[in-house]
């Protein structure tokens, strides 16, 4: 993301998320609640997994799903499926006080047959992006170059650059 200079001020508030598979609804609700707390332009994000054999589940419920299964059980169940397709998504929502704008990033991949790499971020140790042999957790800085979060933030940055054109 180049060509844009914006100061991001972190706000550390706990936002009670609605429990839904619908990530768009979850992020919209979270953005409204965050804007009500700070009363200035704000953005929030949510990262999730959509597992093809489960028709996109867990989606917005990824945290609860992961906390219940954790790495070993997750790969026991899904890592042995033939071609266990999964989509990793990040959705960013931005509220300027008038409207909420949403931006998406996604990376398609498969589930590793066993957890590999650092376990600091939930399912990074089981997600193998298409065209790669390593899990996100094994990639180090390369993950940031191809991640769904980067794609969503680049889309957001493009939107912000266009805001000055009005």
C-alpha atoms as a PDB file:
ATOM      1  CA  UNK A   1       0.000   0.000   0.000  1.00  0.00           C
ATOM      2  CA  UNK A   2       1.798   3.057  -1.217  1.00  0.00           C
ATOM      3  CA  UNK A   3       0.818   6.576  -2.087  1.00  0.00           C
ATOM      4  CA  UNK A   4      -1.421   7.246   0.896  1.00  0.00           C
ATOM      5  CA  UNK A   5      -0.492   8.825   4.190  1.00  0.00           C
ATOM      6  CA  UNK A   6      -3.039   8.440   6.956  1.00  0.00           C
ATOM      7  CA  UNK A   7      -2.434   8.324  10.655  1.00  0.00           C
ATOM      8  CA  UNK A   8      -4.174   5.320  12.207  1.00  0.00           C
ATOM      9  CA  UNK A   9      -4.913   5.742  15.889  1.00  0.00           C
ATOM     10  CA  UNK A  10      -5.670   2.405  17.556  1.00  0.00           C
ATOM     11  CA  UNK A  11      -8.742   2.347  19.764  1.00  0.00           C
ATOM     12  CA  UNK A  12      -8.825  -0.450  22.307  1.00  0.00           C
ATOM     13  CA  UNK A  13     -12.510  -1.087  22.989  1.00  0.00           C
ATOM     14  CA  UNK A  14     -14.180  -4.429  23.377  1.00  0.00           C
ATOM     15  CA  UNK A  15     -17.029  -4.626  20.875  1.00  0.00           C
ATOM     16  CA  UNK A  16     -19.635  -7.311  21.511  1.00  0.00           C
ATOM     17  CA  UNK A  17     -19.957  -9.052  18.142  1.00  0.00           C
ATOM     18  CA  UNK A  18     -23.218 -10.481  16.931  1.00  0.00           C
ATOM     19  CA  UNK A  19     -22.987 -14.235  16.434  1.00  0.00           C
ATOM     20  CA  UNK A  20     -23.655 -14.975  12.780  1.00  0.00           C
ATOM     21  CA  UNK A  21     -22.081 -16.772   9.850  1.00  0.00           C
ATOM     22  CA  UNK A  22     -22.784 -13.609   7.766  1.00  0.00           C
ATOM     23  CA  UNK A  23     -19.495 -11.678   7.893  1.00  0.00           C
ATOM     24  CA  UNK A  24     -20.948  -8.626   6.102  1.00  0.00           C
ATOM     25  CA  UNK A  25     -23.664  -8.267   8.769  1.00  0.00           C
ATOM     26  CA  UNK A  26     -21.185  -8.894  11.583  1.00  0.00           C
ATOM     27  CA  UNK A  27     -18.717  -6.253  10.359  1.00  0.00           C
ATOM     28  CA  UNK A  28     -21.493  -3.736   9.645  1.00  0.00           C
ATOM     29  CA  UNK A  29     -22.815  -4.140  13.197  1.00  0.00           C
ATOM     30  CA  UNK A  30     -19.306  -3.953  14.672  1.00  0.00           C
ATOM     31  CA  UNK A  31     -18.548  -0.774  12.707  1.00  0.00           C
ATOM     32  CA  UNK A  32     -21.745   0.956  13.898  1.00  0.00           C
ATOM     33  CA  UNK A  33     -20.977   0.045  17.508  1.00  0.00           C
ATOM     34  CA  UNK A  34     -17.377   1.284  17.180  1.00  0.00           C
ATOM     35  CA  UNK A  35     -18.472   4.570  15.585  1.00  0.00           C
ATOM     36  CA  UNK A  36     -20.985   5.121  18.390  1.00  0.00           C
ATOM     37  CA  UNK A  37     -18.124   4.752  20.900  1.00  0.00           C
ATOM     38  CA  UNK A  38     -15.617   7.105  19.238  1.00  0.00           C
ATOM     39  CA  UNK A  39     -17.835   9.503  17.224  1.00  0.00           C
ATOM     40  CA  UNK A  40     -15.258   9.949  14.451  1.00  0.00           C
ATOM     41  CA  UNK A  41     -14.330   8.093  11.265  1.00  0.00           C
ATOM     42  CA  UNK A  42     -13.311   4.549  12.131  1.00  0.00           C
ATOM     43  CA  UNK A  43     -12.594   1.213  10.518  1.00  0.00           C
ATOM     44  CA  UNK A  44     -12.879  -2.317  11.856  1.00  0.00           C
ATOM     45  CA  UNK A  45     -11.976  -5.674  10.377  1.00  0.00           C
ATOM     46  CA  UNK A  46     -12.874  -9.318  10.701  1.00  0.00           C
ATOM     47  CA  UNK A  47     -10.941 -12.296   9.390  1.00  0.00           C
ATOM     48  CA  UNK A  48     -12.593 -15.663   8.914  1.00  0.00           C
ATOM     49  CA  UNK A  49     -12.533 -19.038   7.217  1.00  0.00           C
ATOM     50  CA  UNK A  50     -15.150 -20.503   4.909  1.00  0.00           C
ATOM     51  CA  UNK A  51     -14.834 -24.250   4.526  1.00  0.00           C
ATOM     52  CA  UNK A  52     -16.265 -25.537   1.229  1.00  0.00           C
ATOM     53  CA  UNK A  53     -17.479 -28.944   2.480  1.00  0.00           C
ATOM     54  CA  UNK A  54     -19.421 -27.043   5.178  1.00  0.00           C
ATOM     55  CA  UNK A  55     -21.059 -24.601   2.705  1.00  0.00           C
ATOM     56  CA  UNK A  56     -18.976 -21.675   3.943  1.00  0.00           C
ATOM     57  CA  UNK A  57     -19.244 -22.396   7.662  1.00  0.00           C
ATOM     58  CA  UNK A  58     -17.852 -21.122  10.054  1.00  0.00           C
ATOM     59  CA  UNK A  59     -17.626 -17.667   8.375  1.00  0.00           C
ATOM     60  CA  UNK A  60     -18.393 -15.058  11.028  1.00  0.00           C
ATOM     61  CA  UNK A  61     -18.245 -17.745  13.711  1.00  0.00           C
ATOM     62  CA  UNK A  62     -14.614 -18.675  13.016  1.00  0.00           C
ATOM     63  CA  UNK A  63     -13.360 -17.619  16.464  1.00  0.00           C
ATOM     64  CA  UNK A  64     -15.896 -19.746  18.342  1.00  0.00           C
ATOM     65  CA  UNK A  65     -15.349 -22.650  15.941  1.00  0.00           C
ATOM     66  CA  UNK A  66     -11.552 -22.481  16.306  1.00  0.00           C
ATOM     67  CA  UNK A  67     -11.646 -22.061  20.091  1.00  0.00           C
ATOM     68  CA  UNK A  68     -13.766 -25.212  20.290  1.00  0.00           C
ATOM     69  CA  UNK A  69     -11.685 -27.421  17.974  1.00  0.00           C
ATOM     70  CA  UNK A  70      -8.140 -25.958  18.051  1.00  0.00           C
ATOM     71  CA  UNK A  71      -5.401 -27.050  15.654  1.00  0.00           C
ATOM     72  CA  UNK A  72      -5.122 -30.806  16.192  1.00  0.00           C
ATOM     73  CA  UNK A  73      -8.849 -31.567  16.179  1.00  0.00           C
ATOM     74  CA  UNK A  74      -9.409 -29.192  13.258  1.00  0.00           C
ATOM     75  CA  UNK A  75      -6.862 -31.001  11.075  1.00  0.00           C
ATOM     76  CA  UNK A  76      -8.113 -34.417  12.232  1.00  0.00           C
ATOM     77  CA  UNK A  77     -11.554 -33.559  10.908  1.00  0.00           C
ATOM     78  CA  UNK A  78     -10.779 -31.480   7.828  1.00  0.00           C
ATOM     79  CA  UNK A  79      -7.152 -32.167   6.894  1.00  0.00           C
ATOM     80  CA  UNK A  80      -7.889 -35.709   5.755  1.00  0.00           C
ATOM     81  CA  UNK A  81     -10.730 -34.752   3.395  1.00  0.00           C
ATOM     82  CA  UNK A  82      -9.970 -35.043  -0.307  1.00  0.00           C
ATOM     83  CA  UNK A  83      -9.107 -31.488  -1.447  1.00  0.00           C
ATOM     84  CA  UNK A  84     -10.330 -29.723   1.701  1.00  0.00           C
ATOM     85  CA  UNK A  85     -10.989 -26.333   0.045  1.00  0.00           C
ATOM     86  CA  UNK A  86     -11.151 -23.276   2.241  1.00  0.00           C
ATOM     87  CA  UNK A  87     -11.390 -19.542   1.673  1.00  0.00           C
ATOM     88  CA  UNK A  88      -9.672 -17.159   4.085  1.00  0.00           C
ATOM     89  CA  UNK A  89     -11.340 -13.760   4.074  1.00  0.00           C
ATOM     90  CA  UNK A  90     -10.852 -10.360   5.636  1.00  0.00           C
ATOM     91  CA  UNK A  91     -13.567  -7.744   5.535  1.00  0.00           C
ATOM     92  CA  UNK A  92     -12.838  -4.147   6.498  1.00  0.00           C
ATOM     93  CA  UNK A  93     -15.687  -1.735   7.247  1.00  0.00           C
ATOM     94  CA  UNK A  94     -15.194   2.028   7.358  1.00  0.00           C
ATOM     95  CA  UNK A  95     -17.707   4.484   8.792  1.00  0.00           C
ATOM     96  CA  UNK A  96     -17.265   8.169   7.955  1.00  0.00           C
ATOM     97  CA  UNK A  97     -20.334   9.222   9.951  1.00  0.00           C
ATOM     98  CA  UNK A  98     -22.639   9.152   6.926  1.00  0.00           C
ATOM     99  CA  UNK A  99     -22.165   5.729   5.365  1.00  0.00           C
ATOM    100  CA  UNK A 100     -20.478   2.411   5.991  1.00  0.00           C
ATOM    101  CA  UNK A 101     -18.221   1.146   3.227  1.00  0.00           C
ATOM    102  CA  UNK A 102     -16.958  -2.448   3.168  1.00  0.00           C
ATOM    103  CA  UNK A 103     -13.856  -3.888   1.497  1.00  0.00           C
ATOM    104  CA  UNK A 104     -12.913  -7.531   0.981  1.00  0.00           C
ATOM    105  CA  UNK A 105      -9.816  -9.612   0.576  1.00  0.00           C
ATOM    106  CA  UNK A 106      -9.685 -13.354   0.092  1.00  0.00           C
ATOM    107  CA  UNK A 107      -7.178 -16.130  -0.405  1.00  0.00           C
ATOM    108  CA  UNK A 108      -8.196 -19.603  -1.517  1.00  0.00           C
ATOM    109  CA  UNK A 109      -6.364 -22.591  -0.154  1.00  0.00           C
ATOM    110  CA  UNK A 110      -6.479 -25.995   1.449  1.00  0.00           C
ATOM    111  CA  UNK A 111      -6.210 -27.382   4.943  1.00  0.00           C
ATOM    112  CA  UNK A 112      -2.948 -28.959   6.007  1.00  0.00           C
ATOM    113  CA  UNK A 113      -3.174 -32.596   7.159  1.00  0.00           C
ATOM    114  CA  UNK A 114      -1.452 -31.498  10.403  1.00  0.00           C
ATOM    115  CA  UNK A 115      -0.732 -28.161  12.144  1.00  0.00           C
ATOM    116  CA  UNK A 116       2.587 -26.644  11.023  1.00  0.00           C
ATOM    117  CA  UNK A 117       4.407 -23.568  12.220  1.00  0.00           C
ATOM    118  CA  UNK A 118       3.738 -20.970  14.873  1.00  0.00           C
ATOM    119  CA  UNK A 119       0.307 -21.042  16.538  1.00  0.00           C
ATOM    120  CA  UNK A 120       0.128 -17.394  17.575  1.00  0.00           C
ATOM    121  CA  UNK A 121      -2.701 -16.607  15.162  1.00  0.00           C
ATOM    122  CA  UNK A 122      -5.414 -19.267  15.252  1.00  0.00           C
ATOM    123  CA  UNK A 123      -5.645 -21.110  11.961  1.00  0.00           C
ATOM    124  CA  UNK A 124      -2.451 -19.811  10.295  1.00  0.00           C
ATOM    125  CA  UNK A 125      -0.868 -23.175  11.197  1.00  0.00           C
ATOM    126  CA  UNK A 126      -3.419 -25.145   9.119  1.00  0.00           C
ATOM    127  CA  UNK A 127      -4.086 -22.873   6.104  1.00  0.00           C
ATOM    128  CA  UNK A 128      -2.049 -23.467   2.917  1.00  0.00           C
ATOM    129  CA  UNK A 129      -2.704 -20.793   0.257  1.00  0.00           C
ATOM    130  CA  UNK A 130      -3.150 -21.972  -3.324  1.00  0.00           C
ATOM    131  CA  UNK A 131       0.181 -22.263  -5.119  1.00  0.00           C
ATOM    132  CA  UNK A 132       2.133 -22.621  -1.872  1.00  0.00           C
ATOM    133  CA  UNK A 133       3.511 -25.580   0.068  1.00  0.00           C
ATOM    134  CA  UNK A 134       3.763 -23.848   3.449  1.00  0.00           C
ATOM    135  CA  UNK A 135       1.052 -22.835   5.875  1.00  0.00           C
ATOM    136  CA  UNK A 136       0.627 -19.133   6.593  1.00  0.00           C
ATOM    137  CA  UNK A 137       2.358 -19.763   9.936  1.00  0.00           C
ATOM    138  CA  UNK A 138       5.464 -21.114   8.195  1.00  0.00           C
ATOM    139  CA  UNK A 139       5.749 -18.245   5.696  1.00  0.00           C
ATOM    140  CA  UNK A 140       6.962 -15.460   7.941  1.00  0.00           C
ATOM    141  CA  UNK A 141       6.884 -12.066   6.178  1.00  0.00           C
ATOM    142  CA  UNK A 142       5.785 -13.611   2.856  1.00  0.00           C
ATOM    143  CA  UNK A 143       2.314 -14.088   4.355  1.00  0.00           C
ATOM    144  CA  UNK A 144       1.891 -10.302   4.498  1.00  0.00           C
ATOM    145  CA  UNK A 145       2.574 -10.030   0.765  1.00  0.00           C
ATOM    146  CA  UNK A 146      -0.254 -12.411  -0.209  1.00  0.00           C
ATOM    147  CA  UNK A 147      -2.696 -12.165   2.695  1.00  0.00           C
ATOM    148  CA  UNK A 148      -6.409 -11.506   2.512  1.00  0.00           C
ATOM    149  CA  UNK A 149      -5.946  -8.677   5.051  1.00  0.00           C
ATOM    150  CA  UNK A 150      -3.508  -6.926   2.708  1.00  0.00           C
ATOM    151  CA  UNK A 151      -5.966  -7.241  -0.196  1.00  0.00           C
ATOM    152  CA  UNK A 152      -8.821  -5.769   1.876  1.00  0.00           C
ATOM    153  CA  UNK A 153      -6.628  -2.924   3.159  1.00  0.00           C
ATOM    154  CA  UNK A 154      -5.402  -2.146  -0.368  1.00  0.00           C
ATOM    155  CA  UNK A 155      -9.015  -1.916  -1.541  1.00  0.00           C
ATOM    156  CA  UNK A 156      -9.722   0.384   1.435  1.00  0.00           C
ATOM    157  CA  UNK A 157      -6.660   2.536   0.616  1.00  0.00           C
ATOM    158  CA  UNK A 158      -7.819   2.891  -3.001  1.00  0.00           C
ATOM    159  CA  UNK A 159     -11.185   4.087  -1.704  1.00  0.00           C
ATOM    160  CA  UNK A 160      -9.522   6.627   0.621  1.00  0.00           C
ATOM    161  CA  UNK A 161      -7.324   7.954  -2.200  1.00  0.00           C
ATOM    162  CA  UNK A 162     -10.476   8.566  -4.244  1.00  0.00           C
ATOM    163  CA  UNK A 163     -12.141  10.491  -1.411  1.00  0.00           C
ATOM    164  CA  UNK A 164      -9.889  13.486  -2.076  1.00  0.00           C
ATOM    165  CA  UNK A 165     -11.112  13.660  -5.700  1.00  0.00           C
ATOM    166  CA  UNK A 166     -14.518  15.047  -4.771  1.00  0.00           C
END
